[in-house]
PDB file of all heavy atoms in Angstrom:
ATOM      1  N   SER A   1      -4.198 -45.639 -10.075  1.00  0.00           N
ATOM      2  CA  SER A   1      -5.008 -45.536 -11.348  1.00  0.00           C
ATOM      3  C   SER A   1      -5.804 -44.411 -11.555  1.00  0.00           C
ATOM      4  O   SER A   1      -6.127 -44.091 -12.701  1.00  0.00           O
ATOM      5  CB  SER A   1      -6.015 -46.812 -11.361  1.00  0.00           C
ATOM      6  OG  SER A   1      -6.998 -46.563 -10.274  1.00  0.00           O
ATOM      7  N   GLY A   2      -5.988 -43.564 -10.470  1.00  0.00           N
ATOM      8  CA  GLY A   2      -6.897 -42.479 -10.604  1.00  0.00           C
ATOM      9  C   GLY A   2      -8.395 -42.768 -10.535  1.00  0.00           C
ATOM     10  O   GLY A   2      -9.226 -41.819 -10.704  1.00  0.00           O
ATOM     11  N   LEU A   3      -8.772 -44.039 -10.416  1.00  0.00           N
ATOM     12  CA  LEU A   3     -10.119 -44.402 -10.216  1.00  0.00           C
ATOM     13  C   LEU A   3     -10.591 -44.262  -8.803  1.00  0.00           C
ATOM     14  O   LEU A   3      -9.734 -44.317  -7.925  1.00  0.00           O
ATOM     15  CB  LEU A   3     -10.241 -45.893 -10.604  1.00  0.00           C
ATOM     16  CG  LEU A   3      -9.851 -46.382 -12.062  1.00  0.00           C
ATOM     17  CD1 LEU A   3      -9.884 -47.854 -12.235  1.00  0.00           C
ATOM     18  CD2 LEU A   3     -10.656 -45.671 -13.066  1.00  0.00           C
ATOM     19  N   THR A   4     -11.805 -44.108  -8.737  1.00  0.00           N
ATOM     20  CA  THR A   4     -12.373 -43.908  -7.370  1.00  0.00           C
ATOM     21  C   THR A   4     -12.446 -45.228  -6.604  1.00  0.00           C
ATOM     22  O   THR A   4     -12.440 -46.312  -7.346  1.00  0.00           O
ATOM     23  CB  THR A   4     -13.702 -43.273  -7.298  1.00  0.00           C
ATOM     24  OG1 THR A   4     -14.675 -44.156  -7.979  1.00  0.00           O
ATOM     25  CG2 THR A   4     -13.720 -41.989  -8.110  1.00  0.00           C
ATOM     26  N   LYS A   5     -12.531 -45.255  -5.354  1.00  0.00           N
ATOM     27  CA  LYS A   5     -12.634 -46.524  -4.596  1.00  0.00           C
ATOM     28  C   LYS A   5     -13.991 -47.175  -4.991  1.00  0.00           C
ATOM     29  O   LYS A   5     -13.983 -48.455  -5.111  1.00  0.00           O
ATOM     30  CB  LYS A   5     -12.624 -46.281  -3.110  1.00  0.00           C
ATOM     31  CG  LYS A   5     -11.252 -45.726  -2.581  1.00  0.00           C
ATOM     32  CD  LYS A   5     -11.250 -45.414  -1.133  1.00  0.00           C
ATOM     33  CE  LYS A   5      -9.885 -44.863  -0.616  1.00  0.00           C
ATOM     34  NZ  LYS A   5      -9.974 -44.469   0.752  1.00  0.00           N
ATOM     35  N   ARG A   6     -14.989 -46.383  -5.209  1.00  0.00           N
ATOM     36  CA  ARG A   6     -16.277 -46.920  -5.589  1.00  0.00           C
ATOM     37  C   ARG A   6     -16.207 -47.670  -6.897  1.00  0.00           C
ATOM     38  O   ARG A   6     -16.808 -48.773  -7.049  1.00  0.00           O
ATOM     39  CB  ARG A   6     -17.374 -45.817  -5.665  1.00  0.00           C
ATOM     40  CG  ARG A   6     -18.720 -46.270  -6.119  1.00  0.00           C
ATOM     41  CD  ARG A   6     -19.626 -45.202  -5.992  1.00  0.00           C
ATOM     42  NE  ARG A   6     -19.918 -44.753  -4.616  1.00  0.00           N
ATOM     43  CZ  ARG A   6     -20.910 -43.787  -4.311  1.00  0.00           C
ATOM     44  NH1 ARG A   6     -21.587 -43.208  -5.162  1.00  0.00           N
ATOM     45  NH2 ARG A   6     -21.051 -43.516  -3.096  1.00  0.00           N
ATOM     46  N   THR A   7     -15.424 -47.159  -7.837  1.00  0.00           N
ATOM     47  CA  THR A   7     -15.276 -47.786  -9.215  1.00  0.00           C
ATOM     48  C   THR A   7     -14.529 -49.129  -9.042  1.00  0.00           C
ATOM     49  O   THR A   7     -14.928 -50.140  -9.688  1.00  0.00           O
ATOM     50  CB  THR A   7     -14.425 -46.892 -10.164  1.00  0.00           C
ATOM     51  OG1 THR A   7     -15.212 -45.738 -10.320  1.00  0.00           O
ATOM     52  CG2 THR A   7     -14.283 -47.535 -11.482  1.00  0.00           C
ATOM     53  N   ILE A   8     -13.563 -49.158  -8.208  1.00  0.00           N
ATOM     54  CA  ILE A   8     -12.771 -50.380  -8.021  1.00  0.00           C
ATOM     55  C   ILE A   8     -13.661 -51.410  -7.417  1.00  0.00           C
ATOM     56  O   ILE A   8     -13.650 -52.604  -7.764  1.00  0.00           O
ATOM     57  CB  ILE A   8     -11.512 -50.120  -7.102  1.00  0.00           C
ATOM     58  CG1 ILE A   8     -10.562 -49.143  -7.863  1.00  0.00           C
ATOM     59  CG2 ILE A   8     -10.720 -51.353  -6.762  1.00  0.00           C
ATOM     60  CD1 ILE A   8      -9.457 -48.607  -6.949  1.00  0.00           C
ATOM     61  N   GLN A   9     -14.496 -50.952  -6.411  1.00  0.00           N
ATOM     62  CA  GLN A   9     -15.471 -51.917  -5.810  1.00  0.00           C
ATOM     63  C   GLN A   9     -16.437 -52.453  -6.857  1.00  0.00           C
ATOM     64  O   GLN A   9     -16.778 -53.656  -6.831  1.00  0.00           O
ATOM     65  CB  GLN A   9     -16.265 -51.151  -4.707  1.00  0.00           C
ATOM     66  CG  GLN A   9     -17.316 -51.979  -4.044  1.00  0.00           C
ATOM     67  CD  GLN A   9     -16.820 -53.176  -3.169  1.00  0.00           C
ATOM     68  OE1 GLN A   9     -16.122 -52.924  -2.286  1.00  0.00           O
ATOM     69  NE2 GLN A   9     -17.314 -54.351  -3.678  1.00  0.00           N
ATOM     70  N   TYR A  10     -16.879 -51.562  -7.719  1.00  0.00           N
ATOM     71  CA  TYR A  10     -17.858 -51.923  -8.729  1.00  0.00           C
ATOM     72  C   TYR A  10     -17.260 -52.964  -9.713  1.00  0.00           C
ATOM     73  O   TYR A  10     -17.860 -53.846 -10.086  1.00  0.00           O
ATOM     74  CB  TYR A  10     -18.251 -50.611  -9.512  1.00  0.00           C
ATOM     75  CG  TYR A  10     -19.158 -50.908 -10.663  1.00  0.00           C
ATOM     76  CD1 TYR A  10     -20.491 -51.418 -10.511  1.00  0.00           C
ATOM     77  CD2 TYR A  10     -18.737 -50.724 -12.050  1.00  0.00           C
ATOM     78  CE1 TYR A  10     -21.318 -51.665 -11.505  1.00  0.00           C
ATOM     79  CE2 TYR A  10     -19.583 -50.977 -13.094  1.00  0.00           C
ATOM     80  CZ  TYR A  10     -20.950 -51.363 -12.818  1.00  0.00           C
ATOM     81  OH  TYR A  10     -21.780 -51.680 -13.820  1.00  0.00           O
ATOM     82  N   TYR A  11     -15.966 -52.765 -10.087  1.00  0.00           N
ATOM     83  CA  TYR A  11     -15.297 -53.672 -10.896  1.00  0.00           C
ATOM     84  C   TYR A  11     -15.190 -55.032 -10.257  1.00  0.00           C
ATOM     85  O   TYR A  11     -15.251 -56.083 -10.867  1.00  0.00           O
ATOM     86  CB  TYR A  11     -13.842 -53.129 -11.251  1.00  0.00           C
ATOM     87  CG  TYR A  11     -13.725 -52.167 -12.235  1.00  0.00           C
ATOM     88  CD1 TYR A  11     -12.504 -51.530 -12.567  1.00  0.00           C
ATOM     89  CD2 TYR A  11     -14.898 -51.630 -12.920  1.00  0.00           C
ATOM     90  CE1 TYR A  11     -12.430 -50.518 -13.517  1.00  0.00           C
ATOM     91  CE2 TYR A  11     -14.850 -50.657 -13.854  1.00  0.00           C
ATOM     92  CZ  TYR A  11     -13.568 -50.076 -14.181  1.00  0.00           C
ATOM     93  OH  TYR A  11     -13.505 -49.076 -14.976  1.00  0.00           O
ATOM     94  N   ASP A  12     -14.989 -55.091  -8.944  1.00  0.00           N
ATOM     95  CA  ASP A  12     -14.914 -56.372  -8.194  1.00  0.00           C
ATOM     96  C   ASP A  12     -16.351 -56.935  -8.230  1.00  0.00           C
ATOM     97  O   ASP A  12     -16.443 -58.204  -8.520  1.00  0.00           O
ATOM     98  CB  ASP A  12     -14.531 -56.065  -6.721  1.00  0.00           C
ATOM     99  CG  ASP A  12     -14.433 -57.300  -5.871  1.00  0.00           C
ATOM    100  OD1 ASP A  12     -14.599 -58.396  -6.456  1.00  0.00           O
ATOM    101  OD2 ASP A  12     -14.092 -57.165  -4.657  1.00  0.00           O
ATOM    102  N   ASN A  13     -17.376 -56.195  -8.018  1.00  0.00           N
ATOM    103  CA  ASN A  13     -18.679 -56.769  -7.888  1.00  0.00           C
ATOM    104  C   ASN A  13     -19.181 -57.355  -9.352  1.00  0.00           C
ATOM    105  O   ASN A  13     -19.866 -58.278  -9.406  1.00  0.00           O
ATOM    106  CB  ASN A  13     -19.709 -55.600  -7.505  1.00  0.00           C
ATOM    107  CG  ASN A  13     -19.583 -55.208  -6.109  1.00  0.00           C
ATOM    108  OD1 ASN A  13     -18.981 -55.931  -5.339  1.00  0.00           O
ATOM    109  ND2 ASN A  13     -20.127 -54.073  -5.730  1.00  0.00           N
ATOM    110  N   GLU A  14     -18.573 -56.661 -10.413  1.00  0.00           N
ATOM    111  CA  GLU A  14     -18.976 -57.128 -11.748  1.00  0.00           C
ATOM    112  C   GLU A  14     -18.054 -58.326 -12.231  1.00  0.00           C
ATOM    113  O   GLU A  14     -18.268 -58.781 -13.311  1.00  0.00           O
ATOM    114  CB  GLU A  14     -18.835 -55.977 -12.661  1.00  0.00           C
ATOM    115  CG  GLU A  14     -19.815 -54.849 -12.445  1.00  0.00           C
ATOM    116  CD  GLU A  14     -21.244 -55.357 -12.761  1.00  0.00           C
ATOM    117  OE1 GLU A  14     -21.467 -55.912 -13.747  1.00  0.00           O
ATOM    118  OE2 GLU A  14     -22.128 -55.125 -11.807  1.00  0.00           O
ATOM    119  N   GLY A  15     -17.077 -58.748 -11.318  1.00  0.00           N
ATOM    120  CA  GLY A  15     -16.247 -59.770 -11.707  1.00  0.00           C
ATOM    121  C   GLY A  15     -15.195 -59.435 -12.787  1.00  0.00           C
ATOM    122  O   GLY A  15     -14.631 -60.288 -13.391  1.00  0.00           O
ATOM    123  N   VAL A  16     -14.857 -58.077 -13.043  1.00  0.00           N
ATOM    124  CA  VAL A  16     -13.948 -57.718 -13.931  1.00  0.00           C
ATOM    125  C   VAL A  16     -12.623 -57.607 -13.375  1.00  0.00           C
ATOM    126  O   VAL A  16     -11.581 -58.035 -14.019  1.00  0.00           O
ATOM    127  CB  VAL A  16     -14.364 -56.276 -14.545  1.00  0.00           C
ATOM    128  CG1 VAL A  16     -13.304 -55.857 -15.545  1.00  0.00           C
ATOM    129  CG2 VAL A  16     -15.609 -56.505 -15.204  1.00  0.00           C
ATOM    130  N   LEU A  17     -12.488 -57.185 -12.104  1.00  0.00           N
ATOM    131  CA  LEU A  17     -11.132 -57.071 -11.437  1.00  0.00           C
ATOM    132  C   LEU A  17     -11.298 -57.596 -10.052  1.00  0.00           C
ATOM    133  O   LEU A  17     -11.762 -56.864  -9.160  1.00  0.00           O
ATOM    134  CB  LEU A  17     -10.740 -55.655 -11.359  1.00  0.00           C
ATOM    135  CG  LEU A  17      -9.323 -55.429 -10.708  1.00  0.00           C
ATOM    136  CD1 LEU A  17      -8.160 -56.070 -11.564  1.00  0.00           C
ATOM    137  CD2 LEU A  17      -9.030 -53.911 -10.464  1.00  0.00           C
ATOM    138  N   LYS A  18     -11.030 -58.804  -9.936  1.00  0.00           N
ATOM    139  CA  LYS A  18     -11.128 -59.452  -8.538  1.00  0.00           C
ATOM    140  C   LYS A  18      -9.935 -59.264  -7.873  1.00  0.00           C
ATOM    141  O   LYS A  18      -8.777 -59.355  -8.383  1.00  0.00           O
ATOM    142  CB  LYS A  18     -11.478 -60.935  -8.634  1.00  0.00           C
ATOM    143  CG  LYS A  18     -12.689 -61.293  -9.479  1.00  0.00           C
ATOM    144  CD  LYS A  18     -14.002 -60.684  -8.879  1.00  0.00           C
ATOM    145  CE  LYS A  18     -14.357 -61.459  -7.592  1.00  0.00           C
ATOM    146  NZ  LYS A  18     -15.566 -61.033  -6.991  1.00  0.00           N
ATOM    147  N   PRO A  19      -9.969 -59.142  -6.460  1.00  0.00           N
ATOM    148  CA  PRO A  19      -8.693 -58.996  -5.675  1.00  0.00           C
ATOM    149  C   PRO A  19      -7.967 -60.280  -5.656  1.00  0.00           C
ATOM    150  O   PRO A  19      -8.513 -61.410  -5.835  1.00  0.00           O
ATOM    151  CB  PRO A  19      -9.224 -58.588  -4.389  1.00  0.00           C
ATOM    152  CG  PRO A  19     -10.673 -59.026  -4.275  1.00  0.00           C
ATOM    153  CD  PRO A  19     -11.210 -58.937  -5.692  1.00  0.00           C
ATOM    154  N   ALA A  20      -6.724 -60.258  -5.287  1.00  0.00           N
ATOM    155  CA  ALA A  20      -5.966 -61.485  -5.218  1.00  0.00           C
ATOM    156  C   ALA A  20      -6.302 -62.226  -3.958  1.00  0.00           C
ATOM    157  O   ALA A  20      -6.186 -63.504  -3.869  1.00  0.00           O
ATOM    158  CB  ALA A  20      -4.422 -61.118  -5.151  1.00  0.00           C
ATOM    159  N   GLY A  21      -6.808 -61.602  -2.934  1.00  0.00           N
ATOM    160  CA  GLY A  21      -7.268 -62.245  -1.773  1.00  0.00           C
ATOM    161  C   GLY A  21      -7.557 -61.296  -0.567  1.00  0.00           C
ATOM    162  O   GLY A  21      -7.769 -60.053  -0.928  1.00  0.00           O
ATOM    163  N   ARG A  22      -7.616 -61.778   0.533  1.00  0.00           N
ATOM    164  CA  ARG A  22      -7.973 -60.798   1.760  1.00  0.00           C
ATOM    165  C   ARG A  22      -6.890 -61.058   2.784  1.00  0.00           C
ATOM    166  O   ARG A  22      -6.383 -62.174   2.924  1.00  0.00           O
ATOM    167  CB  ARG A  22      -9.368 -61.131   2.242  1.00  0.00           C
ATOM    168  CG  ARG A  22     -10.402 -60.624   1.368  1.00  0.00           C
ATOM    169  CD  ARG A  22     -11.906 -60.882   1.928  1.00  0.00           C
ATOM    170  NE  ARG A  22     -12.882 -60.320   1.063  1.00  0.00           N
ATOM    171  CZ  ARG A  22     -13.422 -59.120   1.131  1.00  0.00           C
ATOM    172  NH1 ARG A  22     -12.888 -58.243   1.984  1.00  0.00           N
ATOM    173  NH2 ARG A  22     -14.322 -58.693   0.281  1.00  0.00           N
ATOM    174  N   ASP A  23      -6.501 -60.054   3.453  1.00  0.00           N
ATOM    175  CA  ASP A  23      -5.469 -60.152   4.485  1.00  0.00           C
ATOM    176  C   ASP A  23      -6.185 -60.573   5.798  1.00  0.00           C
ATOM    177  O   ASP A  23      -7.290 -60.947   5.923  1.00  0.00           O
ATOM    178  CB  ASP A  23      -4.702 -58.878   4.651  1.00  0.00           C
ATOM    179  CG  ASP A  23      -5.553 -57.758   5.188  1.00  0.00           C
ATOM    180  OD1 ASP A  23      -6.644 -57.928   5.735  1.00  0.00           O
ATOM    181  OD2 ASP A  23      -5.043 -56.507   5.273  1.00  0.00           O
ATOM    182  N   GLU A  24      -5.280 -60.627   6.866  1.00  0.00           N
ATOM    183  CA  GLU A  24      -5.708 -61.125   8.206  1.00  0.00           C
ATOM    184  C   GLU A  24      -6.795 -60.258   8.768  1.00  0.00           C
ATOM    185  O   GLU A  24      -7.560 -60.616   9.687  1.00  0.00           O
ATOM    186  CB  GLU A  24      -4.528 -61.121   9.175  1.00  0.00           C
ATOM    187  CG  GLU A  24      -3.820 -59.740   9.325  1.00  0.00           C
ATOM    188  CD  GLU A  24      -2.796 -59.493   8.237  1.00  0.00           C
ATOM    189  OE1 GLU A  24      -2.741 -60.330   7.335  1.00  0.00           O
ATOM    190  OE2 GLU A  24      -2.131 -58.484   8.295  1.00  0.00           O
ATOM    191  N   ASN A  25      -7.016 -58.958   8.306  1.00  0.00           N
ATOM    192  CA  ASN A  25      -8.079 -58.082   8.708  1.00  0.00           C
ATOM    193  C   ASN A  25      -9.270 -58.030   7.774  1.00  0.00           C
ATOM    194  O   ASN A  25     -10.147 -57.207   7.871  1.00  0.00           O
ATOM    195  CB  ASN A  25      -7.508 -56.683   8.821  1.00  0.00           C
ATOM    196  CG  ASN A  25      -6.475 -56.579  10.056  1.00  0.00           C
ATOM    197  OD1 ASN A  25      -6.690 -57.190  11.095  1.00  0.00           O
ATOM    198  ND2 ASN A  25      -5.433 -55.860   9.690  1.00  0.00           N
ATOM    199  N   ASN A  26      -9.265 -59.092   6.822  1.00  0.00           N
ATOM    200  CA  ASN A  26     -10.293 -59.243   5.858  1.00  0.00           C
ATOM    201  C   ASN A  26     -10.416 -58.096   4.912  1.00  0.00           C
ATOM    202  O   ASN A  26     -11.476 -57.918   4.288  1.00  0.00           O
ATOM    203  CB  ASN A  26     -11.763 -59.458   6.602  1.00  0.00           C
ATOM    204  CG  ASN A  26     -12.680 -60.129   5.683  1.00  0.00           C
ATOM    205  OD1 ASN A  26     -12.360 -61.010   4.882  1.00  0.00           O
ATOM    206  ND2 ASN A  26     -13.931 -59.751   5.786  1.00  0.00           N
ATOM    207  N   ARG A  27      -9.290 -57.463   4.680  1.00  0.00           N
ATOM    208  CA  ARG A  27      -9.174 -56.306   3.649  1.00  0.00           C
ATOM    209  C   ARG A  27      -8.752 -56.921   2.397  1.00  0.00           C
ATOM    210  O   ARG A  27      -7.803 -57.765   2.319  1.00  0.00           O
ATOM    211  CB  ARG A  27      -8.263 -55.242   4.119  1.00  0.00           C
ATOM    212  CG  ARG A  27      -8.720 -54.434   5.375  1.00  0.00           C
ATOM    213  CD  ARG A  27      -7.901 -53.158   5.452  1.00  0.00           C
ATOM    214  NE  ARG A  27      -6.404 -53.422   5.468  1.00  0.00           N
ATOM    215  CZ  ARG A  27      -5.556 -52.520   5.275  1.00  0.00           C
ATOM    216  NH1 ARG A  27      -5.858 -51.231   5.055  1.00  0.00           N
ATOM    217  NH2 ARG A  27      -4.310 -52.823   5.421  1.00  0.00           N
ATOM    218  N   ARG A  28      -9.441 -56.540   1.326  1.00  0.00           N
ATOM    219  CA  ARG A  28      -9.071 -57.008  -0.086  1.00  0.00           C
ATOM    220  C   ARG A  28      -7.670 -56.393  -0.410  1.00  0.00           C
ATOM    221  O   ARG A  28      -7.487 -55.242  -0.177  1.00  0.00           O
ATOM    222  CB  ARG A  28     -10.124 -56.486  -1.080  1.00  0.00           C
ATOM    223  CG  ARG A  28     -11.476 -57.129  -0.923  1.00  0.00           C
ATOM    224  CD  ARG A  28     -12.450 -56.532  -1.883  1.00  0.00           C
ATOM    225  NE  ARG A  28     -12.739 -55.086  -1.433  1.00  0.00           N
ATOM    226  CZ  ARG A  28     -13.276 -54.067  -2.074  1.00  0.00           C
ATOM    227  NH1 ARG A  28     -13.514 -54.284  -3.442  1.00  0.00           N
ATOM    228  NH2 ARG A  28     -13.446 -52.948  -1.639  1.00  0.00           N
ATOM    229  N   PHE A  29      -6.896 -57.209  -1.044  1.00  0.00           N
ATOM    230  CA  PHE A  29      -5.656 -56.739  -1.571  1.00  0.00           C
ATOM    231  C   PHE A  29      -5.402 -57.250  -2.930  1.00  0.00           C
ATOM    232  O   PHE A  29      -5.921 -58.239  -3.317  1.00  0.00           O
ATOM    233  CB  PHE A  29      -4.436 -57.189  -0.603  1.00  0.00           C
ATOM    234  CG  PHE A  29      -4.137 -58.589  -0.573  1.00  0.00           C
ATOM    235  CD1 PHE A  29      -3.316 -59.212  -1.541  1.00  0.00           C
ATOM    236  CD2 PHE A  29      -4.669 -59.420   0.432  1.00  0.00           C
ATOM    237  CE1 PHE A  29      -3.031 -60.554  -1.504  1.00  0.00           C
ATOM    238  CE2 PHE A  29      -4.376 -60.827   0.486  1.00  0.00           C
ATOM    239  CZ  PHE A  29      -3.549 -61.338  -0.479  1.00  0.00           C
ATOM    240  N   TYR A  30      -4.523 -56.560  -3.625  1.00  0.00           N
ATOM    241  CA  TYR A  30      -4.125 -56.814  -4.979  1.00  0.00           C
ATOM    242  C   TYR A  30      -2.662 -56.967  -5.173  1.00  0.00           C
ATOM    243  O   TYR A  30      -1.910 -56.508  -4.324  1.00  0.00           O
ATOM    244  CB  TYR A  30      -4.698 -55.762  -5.959  1.00  0.00           C
ATOM    245  CG  TYR A  30      -6.150 -55.463  -5.831  1.00  0.00           C
ATOM    246  CD1 TYR A  30      -6.664 -54.658  -4.781  1.00  0.00           C
ATOM    247  CD2 TYR A  30      -7.054 -55.935  -6.753  1.00  0.00           C
ATOM    248  CE1 TYR A  30      -8.113 -54.456  -4.664  1.00  0.00           C
ATOM    249  CE2 TYR A  30      -8.467 -55.716  -6.641  1.00  0.00           C
ATOM    250  CZ  TYR A  30      -8.954 -54.967  -5.646  1.00  0.00           C
ATOM    251  OH  TYR A  30     -10.308 -54.839  -5.520  1.00  0.00           O
ATOM    252  N   THR A  31      -2.301 -57.608  -6.247  1.00  0.00           N
ATOM    253  CA  THR A  31      -0.853 -57.787  -6.540  1.00  0.00           C
ATOM    254  C   THR A  31      -0.491 -57.195  -7.877  1.00  0.00           C
ATOM    255  O   THR A  31      -1.457 -56.617  -8.522  1.00  0.00           O
ATOM    256  CB  THR A  31      -0.419 -59.347  -6.567  1.00  0.00           C
ATOM    257  OG1 THR A  31      -1.105 -59.941  -7.716  1.00  0.00           O
ATOM    258  CG2 THR A  31      -0.922 -59.998  -5.249  1.00  0.00           C
ATOM    259  N   ASP A  32       0.746 -57.287  -8.320  1.00  0.00           N
ATOM    260  CA  ASP A  32       1.073 -56.715  -9.586  1.00  0.00           C
ATOM    261  C   ASP A  32       0.378 -57.368 -10.708  1.00  0.00           C
ATOM    262  O   ASP A  32       0.093 -56.687 -11.794  1.00  0.00           O
ATOM    263  CB  ASP A  32       2.701 -57.025  -9.871  1.00  0.00           C
ATOM    264  CG  ASP A  32       3.535 -56.136  -8.930  1.00  0.00           C
ATOM    265  OD1 ASP A  32       3.097 -54.987  -8.620  1.00  0.00           O
ATOM    266  OD2 ASP A  32       4.620 -56.625  -8.557  1.00  0.00           O
ATOM    267  N   LYS A  33      -0.147 -58.654 -10.561  1.00  0.00           N
ATOM    268  CA  LYS A  33      -0.937 -59.229 -11.615  1.00  0.00           C
ATOM    269  C   LYS A  33      -2.242 -58.526 -11.836  1.00  0.00           C
ATOM    270  O   LYS A  33      -2.616 -58.167 -12.921  1.00  0.00           O
ATOM    271  CB  LYS A  33      -1.136 -60.652 -11.288  1.00  0.00           C
ATOM    272  CG  LYS A  33      -2.111 -61.327 -12.228  1.00  0.00           C
ATOM    273  CD  LYS A  33      -2.443 -62.812 -11.873  1.00  0.00           C
ATOM    274  CE  LYS A  33      -3.337 -63.455 -12.834  1.00  0.00           C
ATOM    275  NZ  LYS A  33      -3.707 -64.830 -12.408  1.00  0.00           N
ATOM    276  N   GLU A  34      -2.902 -58.195 -10.719  1.00  0.00           N
ATOM    277  CA  GLU A  34      -4.118 -57.356 -10.768  1.00  0.00           C
ATOM    278  C   GLU A  34      -3.936 -56.009 -11.318  1.00  0.00           C
ATOM    279  O   GLU A  34      -4.745 -55.413 -12.101  1.00  0.00           O
ATOM    280  CB  GLU A  34      -4.903 -57.378  -9.499  1.00  0.00           C
ATOM    281  CG  GLU A  34      -5.488 -58.596  -9.050  1.00  0.00           C
ATOM    282  CD  GLU A  34      -4.520 -59.730  -8.641  1.00  0.00           C
ATOM    283  OE1 GLU A  34      -3.556 -59.403  -7.830  1.00  0.00           O
ATOM    284  OE2 GLU A  34      -4.703 -60.822  -9.154  1.00  0.00           O
ATOM    285  N   LEU A  35      -2.823 -55.331 -10.925  1.00  0.00           N
ATOM    286  CA  LEU A  35      -2.459 -54.042 -11.527  1.00  0.00           C
ATOM    287  C   LEU A  35      -2.408 -54.132 -13.042  1.00  0.00           C
ATOM    288  O   LEU A  35      -2.747 -53.170 -13.736  1.00  0.00           O
ATOM    289  CB  LEU A  35      -1.144 -53.505 -10.849  1.00  0.00           C
ATOM    290  CG  LEU A  35      -1.181 -52.801  -9.606  1.00  0.00           C
ATOM    291  CD1 LEU A  35       0.144 -52.345  -9.208  1.00  0.00           C
ATOM    292  CD2 LEU A  35      -2.093 -51.624  -9.664  1.00  0.00           C
ATOM    293  N   SER A  36      -1.675 -55.212 -13.509  1.00  0.00           N
ATOM    294  CA  SER A  36      -1.548 -55.294 -14.983  1.00  0.00           C
ATOM    295  C   SER A  36      -2.946 -55.463 -15.588  1.00  0.00           C
ATOM    296  O   SER A  36      -3.165 -54.898 -16.733  1.00  0.00           O
ATOM    297  CB  SER A  36      -0.701 -56.579 -15.286  1.00  0.00           C
ATOM    298  OG  SER A  36      -0.562 -56.872 -16.696  1.00  0.00           O
TER     299      SER A  36
END
């Protein structure tokens, strides 16, 4: 996207772009739906 990691985190915090879930290492991940 060209967005900074901080911006993506901000979108998550604001409830605008939530991750699809978290993996076994508790890392946030997204799918094609979130990309859209």
